[in-house]
Amino acid sequence: MKTIINTSNAPAPIGPYSQAVLANGFLYVSGQIPINPATGELTQSSIKDETEQVMRNLNAVLLEAGFEFTHILKSTIFLSDMDLFAEVNEVYGSYFESDFPARETVAVKGLPKGVNVEISVIAYKG
């Protein structure tokens, strides 16, 4: 059985997908981009600000499902340019204290709405 997770505290999906799906203790969170859910506007003043907004969006979806960053098993970071890696990594890393999730970071040709960073996660609470 699966449960669809949606919250108004994160951006609404911009396509035919859910913010997250919960199944058998696993939470699959769709990629989040730096849209401010309160305004619907993109946060693009700096890559650090973009990443902070992405992490806040992830947190909102996690909380809606009863999860926390400590429950994340794996994350995927998509970047518009690998030169942004260090700044994104700094912000991302500030959300974890230990037992870091598995992760890959890849540069892609383009991301939705022309943003520079998108992050998806898989979390587990059993």
PDB file of N, CA and C in Angstrom:
ATOM      1  N   MET A   1       0.835  -1.179   0.000  1.00  0.00           N
ATOM      2  CA  MET A   1       0.000   0.000   0.000  1.00  0.00           C
ATOM      3  C   MET A   1       0.882   1.245   0.000  1.00  0.00           C
ATOM      4  N   LYS A   2       0.431   2.259  -0.729  1.00  0.00           N
ATOM      5  CA  LYS A   2       1.192   3.505  -0.740  1.00  0.00           C
ATOM      6  C   LYS A   2       0.294   4.650  -0.315  1.00  0.00           C
ATOM      7  N   THR A   3       0.934   5.648   0.289  1.00  0.00           N
ATOM      8  CA  THR A   3       0.241   6.852   0.729  1.00  0.00           C
ATOM      9  C   THR A   3       0.896   8.043   0.052  1.00  0.00           C
ATOM     10  N   ILE A   4       0.087   8.883  -0.548  1.00  0.00           N
ATOM     11  CA  ILE A   4       0.590  10.090  -1.191  1.00  0.00           C
ATOM     12  C   ILE A   4       0.729  11.181  -0.130  1.00  0.00           C
ATOM     13  N   ILE A   5       1.873  11.847  -0.127  1.00  0.00           N
ATOM     14  CA  ILE A   5       2.154  12.915   0.833  1.00  0.00           C
ATOM     15  C   ILE A   5       2.141  14.251   0.091  1.00  0.00           C
ATOM     16  N   ASN A   6       1.360  15.178   0.593  1.00  0.00           N
ATOM     17  CA  ASN A   6       1.304  16.537   0.039  1.00  0.00           C
ATOM     18  C   ASN A   6       1.219  17.535   1.182  1.00  0.00           C
ATOM     19  N   THR A   7       1.878  18.655   1.029  1.00  0.00           N
ATOM     20  CA  THR A   7       1.807  19.732   2.007  1.00  0.00           C
ATOM     21  C   THR A   7       1.827  21.066   1.285  1.00  0.00           C
ATOM     22  N   SER A   8       1.109  22.021   1.817  1.00  0.00           N
ATOM     23  CA  SER A   8       1.141  23.374   1.251  1.00  0.00           C
ATOM     24  C   SER A   8       2.400  24.121   1.678  1.00  0.00           C
ATOM     25  N   ASN A   9       3.201  23.511   2.562  1.00  0.00           N
ATOM     26  CA  ASN A   9       4.447  24.123   3.024  1.00  0.00           C
ATOM     27  C   ASN A   9       5.624  23.861   2.095  1.00  0.00           C
ATOM     28  N   ALA A  10       5.360  23.155   0.999  1.00  0.00           N
ATOM     29  CA  ALA A  10       6.350  22.932  -0.053  1.00  0.00           C
ATOM     30  C   ALA A  10       5.653  23.235  -1.373  1.00  0.00           C
ATOM     31  N   PRO A  11       6.423  23.517  -2.416  1.00  0.00           N
ATOM     32  CA  PRO A  11       5.805  23.854  -3.693  1.00  0.00           C
ATOM     33  C   PRO A  11       4.922  22.725  -4.217  1.00  0.00           C
ATOM     34  N   ALA A  12       3.810  23.101  -4.813  1.00  0.00           N
ATOM     35  CA  ALA A  12       2.934  22.117  -5.450  1.00  0.00           C
ATOM     36  C   ALA A  12       3.665  21.528  -6.651  1.00  0.00           C
ATOM     37  N   PRO A  13       3.416  20.265  -6.953  1.00  0.00           N
ATOM     38  CA  PRO A  13       4.038  19.664  -8.140  1.00  0.00           C
ATOM     39  C   PRO A  13       3.706  20.460  -9.403  1.00  0.00           C
ATOM     40  N   ILE A  14       4.678  20.547 -10.303  1.00  0.00           N
ATOM     41  CA  ILE A  14       4.476  21.261 -11.557  1.00  0.00           C
ATOM     42  C   ILE A  14       4.285  20.292 -12.719  1.00  0.00           C
ATOM     43  N   GLY A  15       3.885  19.085 -12.378  1.00  0.00           N
ATOM     44  CA  GLY A  15       3.651  18.047 -13.383  1.00  0.00           C
ATOM     45  C   GLY A  15       2.883  16.904 -12.764  1.00  0.00           C
ATOM     46  N   PRO A  16       2.743  15.801 -13.487  1.00  0.00           N
ATOM     47  CA  PRO A  16       1.990  14.653 -12.979  1.00  0.00           C
ATOM     48  C   PRO A  16       2.813  13.770 -12.029  1.00  0.00           C
ATOM     49  N   TYR A  17       3.087  14.302 -10.852  1.00  0.00           N
ATOM     50  CA  TYR A  17       3.798  13.556  -9.819  1.00  0.00           C
ATOM     51  C   TYR A  17       3.364  14.069  -8.455  1.00  0.00           C
ATOM     52  N   SER A  18       3.704  13.333  -7.410  1.00  0.00           N
ATOM     53  CA  SER A  18       3.388  13.717  -6.027  1.00  0.00           C
ATOM     54  C   SER A  18       4.634  14.275  -5.363  1.00  0.00           C
ATOM     55  N   GLN A  19       4.424  15.082  -4.325  1.00  0.00           N
ATOM     56  CA  GLN A  19       5.571  15.587  -3.567  1.00  0.00           C
ATOM     57  C   GLN A  19       6.353  14.422  -2.974  1.00  0.00           C
ATOM     58  N   ALA A  20       5.625  13.410  -2.487  1.00  0.00           N
ATOM     59  CA  ALA A  20       6.277  12.233  -1.922  1.00  0.00           C
ATOM     60  C   ALA A  20       5.288  11.075  -1.898  1.00  0.00           C
ATOM     61  N   VAL A  21       5.856   9.875  -1.824  1.00  0.00           N
ATOM     62  CA  VAL A  21       5.063   8.657  -1.690  1.00  0.00           C
ATOM     63  C   VAL A  21       5.663   7.846  -0.548  1.00  0.00           C
ATOM     64  N   LEU A  22       4.802   7.422   0.375  1.00  0.00           N
ATOM     65  CA  LEU A  22       5.200   6.600   1.511  1.00  0.00           C
ATOM     66  C   LEU A  22       4.745   5.176   1.248  1.00  0.00           C
ATOM     67  N   ALA A  23       5.666   4.215   1.358  1.00  0.00           N
ATOM     68  CA  ALA A  23       5.340   2.803   1.140  1.00  0.00           C
ATOM     69  C   ALA A  23       6.248   1.937   1.999  1.00  0.00           C
ATOM     70  N   ASN A  24       5.647   1.102   2.837  1.00  0.00           N
ATOM     71  CA  ASN A  24       6.400   0.148   3.660  1.00  0.00           C
ATOM     72  C   ASN A  24       7.519   0.804   4.470  1.00  0.00           C
ATOM     73  N   GLY A  25       7.256   1.965   5.022  1.00  0.00           N
ATOM     74  CA  GLY A  25       8.247   2.651   5.853  1.00  0.00           C
ATOM     75  C   GLY A  25       9.229   3.499   5.079  1.00  0.00           C
ATOM     76  N   PHE A  26       9.205   3.415   3.752  1.00  0.00           N
ATOM     77  CA  PHE A  26      10.096   4.210   2.906  1.00  0.00           C
ATOM     78  C   PHE A  26       9.358   5.429   2.388  1.00  0.00           C
ATOM     79  N   LEU A  27      10.022   6.570   2.416  1.00  0.00           N
ATOM     80  CA  LEU A  27       9.470   7.805   1.888  1.00  0.00           C
ATOM     81  C   LEU A  27      10.314   8.222   0.693  1.00  0.00           C
ATOM     82  N   TYR A  28       9.676   8.309  -0.449  1.00  0.00           N
ATOM     83  CA  TYR A  28      10.328   8.717  -1.693  1.00  0.00           C
ATOM     84  C   TYR A  28       9.900  10.158  -1.977  1.00  0.00           C
ATOM     85  N   VAL A  29      10.819  11.086  -1.806  1.00  0.00           N
ATOM     86  CA  VAL A  29      10.507  12.507  -1.977  1.00  0.00           C
ATOM     87  C   VAL A  29      10.978  12.954  -3.359  1.00  0.00           C
ATOM     88  N   SER A  30      10.042  13.504  -4.118  1.00  0.00           N
ATOM     89  CA  SER A  30      10.368  14.011  -5.449  1.00  0.00           C
ATOM     90  C   SER A  30      11.376  15.140  -5.357  1.00  0.00           C
ATOM     91  N   GLY A  31      12.090  15.345  -6.440  1.00  0.00           N
ATOM     92  CA  GLY A  31      13.065  16.423  -6.489  1.00  0.00           C
ATOM     93  C   GLY A  31      12.437  17.761  -6.174  1.00  0.00           C
ATOM     94  N   GLN A  32      13.089  18.498  -5.311  1.00  0.00           N
ATOM     95  CA  GLN A  32      12.637  19.823  -4.919  1.00  0.00           C
ATOM     96  C   GLN A  32      13.553  20.868  -5.547  1.00  0.00           C
ATOM     97  N   ILE A  33      12.930  21.919  -6.053  1.00  0.00           N
ATOM     98  CA  ILE A  33      13.683  23.036  -6.601  1.00  0.00           C
ATOM     99  C   ILE A  33      13.401  24.266  -5.735  1.00  0.00           C
ATOM    100  N   PRO A  34      14.135  25.356  -5.925  1.00  0.00           N
ATOM    101  CA  PRO A  34      14.019  26.498  -5.019  1.00  0.00           C
ATOM    102  C   PRO A  34      12.808  27.406  -5.273  1.00  0.00           C
ATOM    103  N   ILE A  35      11.623  26.834  -5.183  1.00  0.00           N
ATOM    104  CA  ILE A  35      10.400  27.622  -5.254  1.00  0.00           C
ATOM    105  C   ILE A  35       9.953  27.899  -3.825  1.00  0.00           C
ATOM    106  N   ASN A  36       9.695  29.162  -3.535  1.00  0.00           N
ATOM    107  CA  ASN A  36       9.155  29.537  -2.234  1.00  0.00           C
ATOM    108  C   ASN A  36       7.666  29.195  -2.257  1.00  0.00           C
ATOM    109  N   PRO A  37       7.211  28.256  -1.415  1.00  0.00           N
ATOM    110  CA  PRO A  37       5.805  27.846  -1.472  1.00  0.00           C
ATOM    111  C   PRO A  37       4.824  28.946  -1.068  1.00  0.00           C
ATOM    112  N   ALA A  38       5.279  29.922  -0.299  1.00  0.00           N
ATOM    113  CA  ALA A  38       4.398  31.002   0.134  1.00  0.00           C
ATOM    114  C   ALA A  38       4.084  31.975  -1.000  1.00  0.00           C
ATOM    115  N   THR A  39       5.063  32.157  -1.899  1.00  0.00           N
ATOM    116  CA  THR A  39       4.893  33.137  -2.971  1.00  0.00           C
ATOM    117  C   THR A  39       4.780  32.503  -4.352  1.00  0.00           C
ATOM    118  N   GLY A  40       5.263  31.271  -4.481  1.00  0.00           N
ATOM    119  CA  GLY A  40       5.308  30.623  -5.789  1.00  0.00           C
ATOM    120  C   GLY A  40       6.456  31.117  -6.649  1.00  0.00           C
ATOM    121  N   GLU A  41       7.293  31.988  -6.088  1.00  0.00           N
ATOM    122  CA  GLU A  41       8.423  32.558  -6.822  1.00  0.00           C
ATOM    123  C   GLU A  41       9.690  31.737  -6.610  1.00  0.00           C
ATOM    124  N   LEU A  42      10.569  31.775  -7.607  1.00  0.00           N
ATOM    125  CA  LEU A  42      11.864  31.122  -7.484  1.00  0.00           C
ATOM    126  C   LEU A  42      12.777  31.944  -6.597  1.00  0.00           C
ATOM    127  N   THR A  43      13.583  31.255  -5.800  1.00  0.00           N
ATOM    128  CA  THR A  43      14.648  31.878  -5.016  1.00  0.00           C
ATOM    129  C   THR A  43      15.922  31.684  -5.814  1.00  0.00           C
ATOM    130  N   GLN A  44      16.474  32.758  -6.366  1.00  0.00           N
ATOM    131  CA  GLN A  44      17.652  32.624  -7.221  1.00  0.00           C
ATOM    132  C   GLN A  44      18.695  33.705  -6.991  1.00  0.00           C
ATOM    133  N   SER A  45      18.710  34.300  -5.794  1.00  0.00           N
ATOM    134  CA  SER A  45      19.668  35.368  -5.535  1.00  0.00           C
ATOM    135  C   SER A  45      21.108  34.856  -5.471  1.00  0.00           C
ATOM    136  N   SER A  46      21.289  33.616  -5.008  1.00  0.00           N
ATOM    137  CA  SER A  46      22.615  32.992  -4.981  1.00  0.00           C
ATOM    138  C   SER A  46      22.418  31.485  -4.914  1.00  0.00           C
ATOM    139  N   ILE A  47      23.452  30.735  -5.213  1.00  0.00           N
ATOM    140  CA  ILE A  47      23.334  29.274  -5.155  1.00  0.00           C
ATOM    141  C   ILE A  47      23.105  28.812  -3.719  1.00  0.00           C
ATOM    142  N   LYS A  48      23.669  29.516  -2.752  1.00  0.00           N
ATOM    143  CA  LYS A  48      23.429  29.155  -1.350  1.00  0.00           C
ATOM    144  C   LYS A  48      21.966  29.388  -0.982  1.00  0.00           C
ATOM    145  N   ASP A  49      21.396  30.505  -1.431  1.00  0.00           N
ATOM    146  CA  ASP A  49      19.979  30.775  -1.160  1.00  0.00           C
ATOM    147  C   ASP A  49      19.084  29.756  -1.859  1.00  0.00           C
ATOM    148  N   GLU A  50      19.445  29.391  -3.091  1.00  0.00           N
ATOM    149  CA  GLU A  50      18.685  28.366  -3.811  1.00  0.00           C
ATOM    150  C   GLU A  50      18.690  27.055  -3.027  1.00  0.00           C
ATOM    151  N   THR A  51      19.876  26.666  -2.573  1.00  0.00           N
ATOM    152  CA  THR A  51      20.011  25.398  -1.855  1.00  0.00           C
ATOM    153  C   THR A  51      19.266  25.441  -0.529  1.00  0.00           C
ATOM    154  N   GLU A  52      19.330  26.557   0.181  1.00  0.00           N
ATOM    155  CA  GLU A  52      18.574  26.694   1.442  1.00  0.00           C
ATOM    156  C   GLU A  52      17.082  26.496   1.192  1.00  0.00           C
ATOM    157  N   GLN A  53      16.548  27.087   0.118  1.00  0.00           N
ATOM    158  CA  GLN A  53      15.130  26.947  -0.180  1.00  0.00           C
ATOM    159  C   GLN A  53      14.790  25.498  -0.517  1.00  0.00           C
ATOM    160  N   VAL A  54      15.652  24.844  -1.268  1.00  0.00           N
ATOM    161  CA  VAL A  54      15.447  23.435  -1.594  1.00  0.00           C
ATOM    162  C   VAL A  54      15.403  22.593  -0.315  1.00  0.00           C
ATOM    163  N   MET A  55      16.332  22.846   0.586  1.00  0.00           N
ATOM    164  CA  MET A  55      16.385  22.076   1.833  1.00  0.00           C
ATOM    165  C   MET A  55      15.161  22.364   2.709  1.00  0.00           C
ATOM    166  N   ARG A  56      14.690  23.609   2.727  1.00  0.00           N
ATOM    167  CA  ARG A  56      13.460  23.930   3.465  1.00  0.00           C
ATOM    168  C   ARG A  56      12.261  23.195   2.850  1.00  0.00           C
ATOM    169  N   ASN A  57      12.226  23.131   1.540  1.00  0.00           N
ATOM    170  CA  ASN A  57      11.139  22.412   0.876  1.00  0.00           C
ATOM    171  C   ASN A  57      11.186  20.923   1.204  1.00  0.00           C
ATOM    172  N   LEU A  58      12.376  20.354   1.176  1.00  0.00           N
ATOM    173  CA  LEU A  58      12.516  18.937   1.553  1.00  0.00           C
ATOM    174  C   LEU A  58      12.062  18.723   2.987  1.00  0.00           C
ATOM    175  N   ASN A  59      12.468  19.612   3.877  1.00  0.00           N
ATOM    176  CA  ASN A  59      12.096  19.498   5.281  1.00  0.00           C
ATOM    177  C   ASN A  59      10.575  19.528   5.446  1.00  0.00           C
ATOM    178  N   ALA A  60       9.904  20.392   4.719  1.00  0.00           N
ATOM    179  CA  ALA A  60       8.444  20.490   4.820  1.00  0.00           C
ATOM    180  C   ALA A  60       7.765  19.184   4.418  1.00  0.00           C
ATOM    181  N   VAL A  61       8.264  18.558   3.361  1.00  0.00           N
ATOM    182  CA  VAL A  61       7.682  17.289   2.921  1.00  0.00           C
ATOM    183  C   VAL A  61       7.996  16.189   3.928  1.00  0.00           C
ATOM    184  N   LEU A  62       9.234  16.151   4.405  1.00  0.00           N
ATOM    185  CA  LEU A  62       9.607  15.163   5.421  1.00  0.00           C
ATOM    186  C   LEU A  62       8.715  15.286   6.652  1.00  0.00           C
ATOM    187  N   LEU A  63       8.560  16.505   7.156  1.00  0.00           N
ATOM    188  CA  LEU A  63       7.744  16.731   8.362  1.00  0.00           C
ATOM    189  C   LEU A  63       6.294  16.323   8.152  1.00  0.00           C
ATOM    190  N   GLU A  64       5.752  16.614   6.976  1.00  0.00           N
ATOM    191  CA  GLU A  64       4.362  16.245   6.689  1.00  0.00           C
ATOM    192  C   GLU A  64       4.153  14.736   6.811  1.00  0.00           C
ATOM    193  N   ALA A  65       5.190  13.975   6.467  1.00  0.00           N
ATOM    194  CA  ALA A  65       5.120  12.511   6.540  1.00  0.00           C
ATOM    195  C   ALA A  65       5.569  11.966   7.888  1.00  0.00           C
ATOM    196  N   GLY A  66       6.004  12.849   8.810  1.00  0.00           N
ATOM    197  CA  GLY A  66       6.476  12.405  10.116  1.00  0.00           C
ATOM    198  C   GLY A  66       7.927  11.965  10.115  1.00  0.00           C
ATOM    199  N   PHE A  67       8.709  12.460   9.178  1.00  0.00           N
ATOM    200  CA  PHE A  67      10.124  12.107   9.044  1.00  0.00           C
ATOM    201  C   PHE A  67      10.991  13.314   9.357  1.00  0.00           C
ATOM    202  N   GLU A  68      12.294  13.051   9.505  1.00  0.00           N
ATOM    203  CA  GLU A  68      13.297  14.094   9.724  1.00  0.00           C
ATOM    204  C   GLU A  68      14.501  13.810   8.832  1.00  0.00           C
ATOM    205  N   PHE A  69      15.426  14.748   8.782  1.00  0.00           N
ATOM    206  CA  PHE A  69      16.637  14.551   7.983  1.00  0.00           C
ATOM    207  C   PHE A  69      17.420  13.326   8.445  1.00  0.00           C
ATOM    208  N   THR A  70      17.324  12.969   9.717  1.00  0.00           N
ATOM    209  CA  THR A  70      18.040  11.791  10.225  1.00  0.00           C
ATOM    210  C   THR A  70      17.521  10.497   9.612  1.00  0.00           C
ATOM    211  N   HIS A  71      16.349  10.522   9.024  1.00  0.00           N
ATOM    212  CA  HIS A  71      15.769   9.329   8.410  1.00  0.00           C
ATOM    213  C   HIS A  71      16.183   9.142   6.946  1.00  0.00           C
ATOM    214  N   ILE A  72      16.873  10.121   6.385  1.00  0.00           N
ATOM    215  CA  ILE A  72      17.248  10.038   4.971  1.00  0.00           C
ATOM    216  C   ILE A  72      18.334   8.990   4.765  1.00  0.00           C
ATOM    217  N   LEU A  73      18.064   8.065   3.853  1.00  0.00           N
ATOM    218  CA  LEU A  73      19.026   7.023   3.486  1.00  0.00           C
ATOM    219  C   LEU A  73      19.887   7.444   2.301  1.00  0.00           C
ATOM    220  N   LYS A  74      19.255   8.123   1.347  1.00  0.00           N
ATOM    221  CA  LYS A  74      19.939   8.451   0.098  1.00  0.00           C
ATOM    222  C   LYS A  74      19.395   9.744  -0.469  1.00  0.00           C
ATOM    223  N   SER A  75      20.281  10.522  -1.046  1.00  0.00           N
ATOM    224  CA  SER A  75      19.864  11.740  -1.726  1.00  0.00           C
ATOM    225  C   SER A  75      20.542  11.811  -3.082  1.00  0.00           C
ATOM    226  N   THR A  76      19.902  12.540  -3.970  1.00  0.00           N
ATOM    227  CA  THR A  76      20.465  12.809  -5.286  1.00  0.00           C
ATOM    228  C   THR A  76      20.428  14.310  -5.502  1.00  0.00           C
ATOM    229  N   ILE A  77      21.582  14.855  -5.822  1.00  0.00           N
ATOM    230  CA  ILE A  77      21.687  16.293  -6.081  1.00  0.00           C
ATOM    231  C   ILE A  77      21.971  16.481  -7.573  1.00  0.00           C
ATOM    232  N   PHE A  78      21.128  17.287  -8.201  1.00  0.00           N
ATOM    233  CA  PHE A  78      21.307  17.640  -9.606  1.00  0.00           C
ATOM    234  C   PHE A  78      21.749  19.096  -9.662  1.00  0.00           C
ATOM    235  N   LEU A  79      22.834  19.359 -10.381  1.00  0.00           N
ATOM    236  CA  LEU A  79      23.373  20.709 -10.501  1.00  0.00           C
ATOM    237  C   LEU A  79      23.437  21.130 -11.966  1.00  0.00           C
ATOM    238  N   SER A  80      23.271  22.416 -12.202  1.00  0.00           N
ATOM    239  CA  SER A  80      23.420  22.942 -13.558  1.00  0.00           C
ATOM    240  C   SER A  80      24.897  23.031 -13.950  1.00  0.00           C
ATOM    241  N   ASP A  81      25.780  23.037 -12.942  1.00  0.00           N
ATOM    242  CA  ASP A  81      27.212  23.195 -13.187  1.00  0.00           C
ATOM    243  C   ASP A  81      27.973  22.652 -11.974  1.00  0.00           C
ATOM    244  N   MET A  82      28.934  21.781 -12.198  1.00  0.00           N
ATOM    245  CA  MET A  82      29.691  21.204 -11.078  1.00  0.00           C
ATOM    246  C   MET A  82      30.524  22.251 -10.337  1.00  0.00           C
ATOM    247  N   ASP A  83      30.737  23.412 -10.924  1.00  0.00           N
ATOM    248  CA  ASP A  83      31.443  24.482 -10.215  1.00  0.00           C
ATOM    249  C   ASP A  83      30.652  24.979  -9.009  1.00  0.00           C
ATOM    250  N   LEU A  84      29.368  24.640  -8.931  1.00  0.00           N
ATOM    251  CA  LEU A  84      28.515  25.040  -7.799  1.00  0.00           C
ATOM    252  C   LEU A  84      28.597  24.053  -6.635  1.00  0.00           C
ATOM    253  N   PHE A  85      29.293  22.946  -6.843  1.00  0.00           N
ATOM    254  CA  PHE A  85      29.299  21.845  -5.882  1.00  0.00           C
ATOM    255  C   PHE A  85      29.679  22.273  -4.467  1.00  0.00           C
ATOM    256  N   ALA A  86      30.754  23.010  -4.306  1.00  0.00           N
ATOM    257  CA  ALA A  86      31.253  23.347  -2.963  1.00  0.00           C
ATOM    258  C   ALA A  86      30.223  24.143  -2.166  1.00  0.00           C
ATOM    259  N   GLU A  87      29.589  25.129  -2.787  1.00  0.00           N
ATOM    260  CA  GLU A  87      28.610  25.948  -2.068  1.00  0.00           C
ATOM    261  C   GLU A  87      27.347  25.157  -1.747  1.00  0.00           C
ATOM    262  N   VAL A  88      26.892  24.332  -2.689  1.00  0.00           N
ATOM    263  CA  VAL A  88      25.718  23.486  -2.438  1.00  0.00           C
ATOM    264  C   VAL A  88      26.037  22.495  -1.328  1.00  0.00           C
ATOM    265  N   ASN A  89      27.207  21.887  -1.383  1.00  0.00           N
ATOM    266  CA  ASN A  89      27.615  20.910  -0.392  1.00  0.00           C
ATOM    267  C   ASN A  89      27.683  21.520   1.004  1.00  0.00           C
ATOM    268  N   GLU A  90      28.127  22.759   1.099  1.00  0.00           N
ATOM    269  CA  GLU A  90      28.209  23.449   2.394  1.00  0.00           C
ATOM    270  C   GLU A  90      26.822  23.594   3.021  1.00  0.00           C
ATOM    271  N   VAL A  91      25.858  24.053   2.236  1.00  0.00           N
ATOM    272  CA  VAL A  91      24.501  24.223   2.750  1.00  0.00           C
ATOM    273  C   VAL A  91      23.882  22.859   3.051  1.00  0.00           C
ATOM    274  N   TYR A  92      23.966  21.936   2.114  1.00  0.00           N
ATOM    275  CA  TYR A  92      23.415  20.596   2.284  1.00  0.00           C
ATOM    276  C   TYR A  92      23.964  19.946   3.555  1.00  0.00           C
ATOM    277  N   GLY A  93      25.271  20.006   3.730  1.00  0.00           N
ATOM    278  CA  GLY A  93      25.927  19.381   4.878  1.00  0.00           C
ATOM    279  C   GLY A  93      25.489  19.951   6.215  1.00  0.00           C
ATOM    280  N   SER A  94      25.048  21.199   6.233  1.00  0.00           N
ATOM    281  CA  SER A  94      24.624  21.821   7.487  1.00  0.00           C
ATOM    282  C   SER A  94      23.321  21.223   8.022  1.00  0.00           C
ATOM    283  N   TYR A  95      22.632  20.434   7.223  1.00  0.00           N
ATOM    284  CA  TYR A  95      21.371  19.819   7.645  1.00  0.00           C
ATOM    285  C   TYR A  95      21.564  18.427   8.250  1.00  0.00           C
ATOM    286  N   PHE A  96      22.812  17.958   8.297  1.00  0.00           N
ATOM    287  CA  PHE A  96      23.112  16.633   8.828  1.00  0.00           C
ATOM    288  C   PHE A  96      24.215  16.740   9.869  1.00  0.00           C
ATOM    289  N   GLU A  97      24.108  15.923  10.931  1.00  0.00           N
ATOM    290  CA  GLU A  97      25.123  15.957  11.985  1.00  0.00           C
ATOM    291  C   GLU A  97      26.067  14.762  11.914  1.00  0.00           C
ATOM    292  N   SER A  98      25.533  13.600  11.595  1.00  0.00           N
ATOM    293  CA  SER A  98      26.346  12.384  11.497  1.00  0.00           C
ATOM    294  C   SER A  98      25.551  11.340  10.727  1.00  0.00           C
ATOM    295  N   ASP A  99      26.117  10.182  10.554  1.00  0.00           N
ATOM    296  CA  ASP A  99      25.456   9.109   9.813  1.00  0.00           C
ATOM    297  C   ASP A  99      24.849   9.652   8.520  1.00  0.00           C
ATOM    298  N   PHE A 100      25.702  10.253   7.719  1.00  0.00           N
ATOM    299  CA  PHE A 100      25.260  10.911   6.496  1.00  0.00           C
ATOM    300  C   PHE A 100      24.638   9.914   5.526  1.00  0.00           C
ATOM    301  N   PRO A 101      23.654  10.375   4.744  1.00  0.00           N
ATOM    302  CA  PRO A 101      23.045   9.478   3.759  1.00  0.00           C
ATOM    303  C   PRO A 101      23.997   9.187   2.603  1.00  0.00           C
ATOM    304  N   ALA A 102      23.707   8.110   1.899  1.00  0.00           N
ATOM    305  CA  ALA A 102      24.398   7.863   0.635  1.00  0.00           C
ATOM    306  C   ALA A 102      23.966   8.972  -0.319  1.00  0.00           C
ATOM    307  N   ARG A 103      24.816   9.269  -1.321  1.00  0.00           N
ATOM    308  CA  ARG A 103      24.482  10.394  -2.185  1.00  0.00           C
ATOM    309  C   ARG A 103      25.255  10.324  -3.479  1.00  0.00           C
ATOM    310  N   GLU A 104      24.631  10.854  -4.525  1.00  0.00           N
ATOM    311  CA  GLU A 104      25.376  11.161  -5.730  1.00  0.00           C
ATOM    312  C   GLU A 104      25.029  12.581  -6.126  1.00  0.00           C
ATOM    313  N   THR A 105      25.969  13.220  -6.787  1.00  0.00           N
ATOM    314  CA  THR A 105      25.774  14.573  -7.298  1.00  0.00           C
ATOM    315  C   THR A 105      26.147  14.553  -8.762  1.00  0.00           C
ATOM    316  N   VAL A 106      25.238  15.020  -9.587  1.00  0.00           N
ATOM    317  CA  VAL A 106      25.484  14.997 -11.028  1.00  0.00           C
ATOM    318  C   VAL A 106      25.171  16.362 -11.636  1.00  0.00           C
ATOM    319  N   ALA A 107      25.942  16.710 -12.648  1.00  0.00           N
ATOM    320  CA  ALA A 107      25.650  17.915 -13.424  1.00  0.00           C
ATOM    321  C   ALA A 107      24.783  17.487 -14.602  1.00  0.00           C
ATOM    322  N   VAL A 108      23.773  18.289 -14.865  1.00  0.00           N
ATOM    323  CA  VAL A 108      22.839  17.973 -15.943  1.00  0.00           C
ATOM    324  C   VAL A 108      22.750  19.156 -16.908  1.00  0.00           C
ATOM    325  N   LYS A 109      22.242  18.896 -18.076  1.00  0.00           N
ATOM    326  CA  LYS A 109      22.141  19.942 -19.092  1.00  0.00           C
ATOM    327  C   LYS A 109      21.163  21.039 -18.690  1.00  0.00           C
ATOM    328  N   GLY A 110      20.073  20.668 -18.013  1.00  0.00           N
ATOM    329  CA  GLY A 110      19.090  21.652 -17.613  1.00  0.00           C
ATOM    330  C   GLY A 110      18.204  21.120 -16.508  1.00  0.00           C
ATOM    331  N   LEU A 111      17.619  22.028 -15.737  1.00  0.00           N
ATOM    332  CA  LEU A 111      16.706  21.675 -14.653  1.00  0.00           C
ATOM    333  C   LEU A 111      15.411  22.456 -14.837  1.00  0.00           C
ATOM    334  N   PRO A 112      14.322  21.998 -14.208  1.00  0.00           N
ATOM    335  CA  PRO A 112      13.045  22.700 -14.354  1.00  0.00           C
ATOM    336  C   PRO A 112      13.158  24.182 -14.012  1.00  0.00           C
ATOM    337  N   LYS A 113      12.500  24.997 -14.804  1.00  0.00           N
ATOM    338  CA  LYS A 113      12.427  26.449 -14.602  1.00  0.00           C
ATOM    339  C   LYS A 113      13.791  27.133 -14.627  1.00  0.00           C
ATOM    340  N   GLY A 114      14.814  26.453 -15.163  1.00  0.00           N
ATOM    341  CA  GLY A 114      16.139  27.044 -15.284  1.00  0.00           C
ATOM    342  C   GLY A 114      16.886  27.208 -13.977  1.00  0.00           C
ATOM    343  N   VAL A 115      16.500  26.450 -12.926  1.00  0.00           N
ATOM    344  CA  VAL A 115      17.183  26.563 -11.634  1.00  0.00           C
ATOM    345  C   VAL A 115      18.557  25.905 -11.703  1.00  0.00           C
ATOM    346  N   ASN A 116      19.348  26.105 -10.661  1.00  0.00           N
ATOM    347  CA  ASN A 116      20.704  25.562 -10.614  1.00  0.00           C
ATOM    348  C   ASN A 116      20.833  24.304  -9.770  1.00  0.00           C
ATOM    349  N   VAL A 117      19.822  24.004  -8.931  1.00  0.00           N
ATOM    350  CA  VAL A 117      19.923  22.849  -8.047  1.00  0.00           C
ATOM    351  C   VAL A 117      18.542  22.227  -7.839  1.00  0.00           C
ATOM    352  N   GLU A 118      18.542  20.900  -7.822  1.00  0.00           N
ATOM    353  CA  GLU A 118      17.355  20.114  -7.480  1.00  0.00           C
ATOM    354  C   GLU A 118      17.846  18.945  -6.641  1.00  0.00           C
ATOM    355  N   ILE A 119      17.108  18.616  -5.577  1.00  0.00           N
ATOM    356  CA  ILE A 119      17.509  17.515  -4.703  1.00  0.00           C
ATOM    357  C   ILE A 119      16.297  16.633  -4.421  1.00  0.00           C
ATOM    358  N   SER A 120      16.512  15.315  -4.540  1.00  0.00           N
ATOM    359  CA  SER A 120      15.487  14.340  -4.148  1.00  0.00           C
ATOM    360  C   SER A 120      16.091  13.446  -3.074  1.00  0.00           C
ATOM    361  N   VAL A 121      15.208  12.836  -2.253  1.00  0.00           N
ATOM    362  CA  VAL A 121      15.694  11.969  -1.183  1.00  0.00           C
ATOM    363  C   VAL A 121      14.804  10.739  -1.028  1.00  0.00           C
ATOM    364  N   ILE A 122      15.398   9.720  -0.438  1.00  0.00           N
ATOM    365  CA  ILE A 122      14.676   8.531  -0.010  1.00  0.00           C
ATOM    366  C   ILE A 122      14.957   8.394   1.490  1.00  0.00           C
ATOM    367  N   ALA A 123      13.897   8.283   2.270  1.00  0.00           N
ATOM    368  CA  ALA A 123      14.044   8.164   3.733  1.00  0.00           C
ATOM    369  C   ALA A 123      13.346   6.900   4.200  1.00  0.00           C
ATOM    370  N   TYR A 124      13.730   6.429   5.372  1.00  0.00           N
ATOM    371  CA  TYR A 124      13.137   5.219   5.936  1.00  0.00           C
ATOM    372  C   TYR A 124      12.921   5.402   7.428  1.00  0.00           C
ATOM    373  N   LYS A 125      11.762   4.960   7.858  1.00  0.00           N
ATOM    374  CA  LYS A 125      11.455   4.934   9.291  1.00  0.00           C
ATOM    375  C   LYS A 125      10.645   3.670   9.525  1.00  0.00           C
ATOM    376  N   GLY A 126      11.293   2.679  10.121  1.00  0.00           N
ATOM    377  CA  GLY A 126      10.623   1.393  10.281  1.00  0.00           C
ATOM    378  C   GLY A 126      10.395   1.010  11.704  1.00  0.00           C
TER     379      GLY A 126
END
